[in-house]
Amino acid sequence: MLDPDGNLTIGFAGVDTWPSVLPVLEELGARTVHIAFDADCRRNRRVAVQLQACVQELARLGYRRVLELWDEPKGIDDLFASGGRPRCVGEDS
């Protein structure tokens, strides 16, 4: 699936399942990964821990990382549906 900016998007169900996308990233030959966990990552410790683990593992594997942040709504799909865009923070923003 492509996001509104034309970036290939890989989704996964549940914050603790992010490792399942690592083989997909390798297969696609990705070099930069935009990371867009739900907006509650700043309030929900469980989400924050998984986000940090994801960012650290992607760094260890040599990917450039860009964190996509927004305030509301919770999910990026709802953000895009409302015409909003995330703020990009990171190496390739």
Protein backbone atom coordinates (compact mmCIF):
# COMPACT_ATOMS: atom_id res chain seq x y z
CA MET A 1 0.00 0.00 0.00
CA LEU A 2 1.20 3.52 -0.73
CA ASP A 3 0.70 6.38 1.70
CA PRO A 4 -0.53 9.78 0.44
CA ASP A 5 3.07 10.81 -0.27
CA GLY A 6 3.71 7.73 -2.42
CA ASN A 7 5.79 5.79 0.13
CA LEU A 8 5.35 2.03 0.30
CA THR A 9 3.70 1.25 3.64
CA ILE A 10 3.99 -2.00 5.57
CA GLY A 11 1.58 -2.42 8.45
CA PHE A 12 1.54 -4.89 11.29
CA ALA A 13 -1.03 -5.77 13.93
CA GLY A 14 0.05 -4.96 17.48
CA VAL A 15 3.05 -3.02 18.69
CA ASP A 16 4.96 -6.14 19.70
CA THR A 17 4.82 -7.69 16.22
CA TRP A 18 7.16 -5.17 14.53
CA PRO A 19 9.95 -7.80 14.14
CA SER A 20 7.73 -9.54 11.59
CA VAL A 21 8.44 -6.77 9.06
CA LEU A 22 12.24 -7.12 9.21
CA PRO A 23 12.39 -9.89 6.56
CA VAL A 24 10.08 -7.83 4.33
CA LEU A 25 12.36 -4.79 4.60
CA GLU A 26 15.35 -6.94 3.68
CA GLU A 27 13.51 -8.52 0.74
CA LEU A 28 12.51 -5.08 -0.55
CA GLY A 29 16.06 -3.76 -0.25
CA ALA A 30 14.90 -0.88 1.94
CA ARG A 31 17.51 1.57 3.18
CA THR A 32 15.34 4.15 4.94
CA VAL A 33 12.43 3.23 7.20
CA HIS A 34 9.76 5.70 8.30
CA ILE A 35 8.43 4.54 11.66
CA ALA A 36 4.85 5.48 12.51
CA PHE A 37 3.64 3.89 15.73
CA ASP A 38 0.29 5.15 17.07
CA ALA A 39 0.20 8.65 18.53
CA ASP A 40 -0.18 7.29 22.06
CA CYS A 41 3.49 6.24 22.00
CA ARG A 42 4.21 9.27 24.20
CA ARG A 43 1.61 8.29 26.82
CA ASN A 44 1.49 4.49 26.68
CA ARG A 45 4.61 2.87 28.15
CA ARG A 46 4.01 -0.44 26.34
CA VAL A 47 3.93 1.33 22.98
CA ALA A 48 6.96 3.48 23.88
CA VAL A 49 9.04 0.43 24.86
CA GLN A 50 8.25 -1.32 21.57
CA LEU A 51 8.95 1.83 19.56
CA GLN A 52 12.34 2.21 21.22
CA ALA A 53 13.17 -1.45 20.58
CA CYS A 54 12.16 -1.10 16.93
CA VAL A 55 14.27 2.03 16.42
CA GLN A 56 17.29 0.41 18.07
CA GLU A 57 17.03 -2.79 16.03
CA LEU A 58 16.66 -0.89 12.77
CA ALA A 59 19.77 1.12 13.69
CA ARG A 60 21.67 -2.07 14.52
CA LEU A 61 20.71 -3.46 11.10
CA GLY A 62 21.96 -0.31 9.37
CA TYR A 63 18.68 1.29 8.29
CA ARG A 64 18.25 5.05 8.22
CA ARG A 65 15.32 5.87 10.47
CA VAL A 66 12.70 8.60 10.31
CA LEU A 67 10.17 8.88 13.11
CA GLU A 68 6.72 10.11 12.08
CA LEU A 69 4.86 11.92 14.86
CA TRP A 70 1.43 13.53 15.22
CA ASP A 71 -0.86 14.46 18.09
CA GLU A 72 -4.32 13.18 17.15
CA PRO A 73 -5.98 10.97 16.01
CA LYS A 74 -4.39 7.82 17.43
CA GLY A 75 -3.67 6.03 14.14
CA ILE A 76 -1.84 7.35 11.10
CA ASP A 77 -4.57 5.98 8.85
CA ASP A 78 -7.06 8.31 10.52
CA LEU A 79 -4.56 11.16 10.28
CA PHE A 80 -4.25 10.68 6.52
CA ALA A 81 -8.03 10.26 6.14
CA SER A 82 -8.52 13.66 7.80
CA GLY A 83 -6.02 15.29 5.42
CA GLY A 84 -3.29 15.57 8.05
CA ARG A 85 0.39 14.70 7.72
CA PRO A 86 2.89 13.60 10.37
CA ARG A 87 5.97 15.55 11.42
CA CYS A 88 9.12 13.70 10.35
CA VAL A 89 12.05 13.55 12.75
CA GLY A 90 15.26 11.72 12.03
CA GLU A 91 18.13 11.03 9.70
CA ASP A 92 16.29 11.47 6.43
CA SER A 93 13.64 14.05 7.27
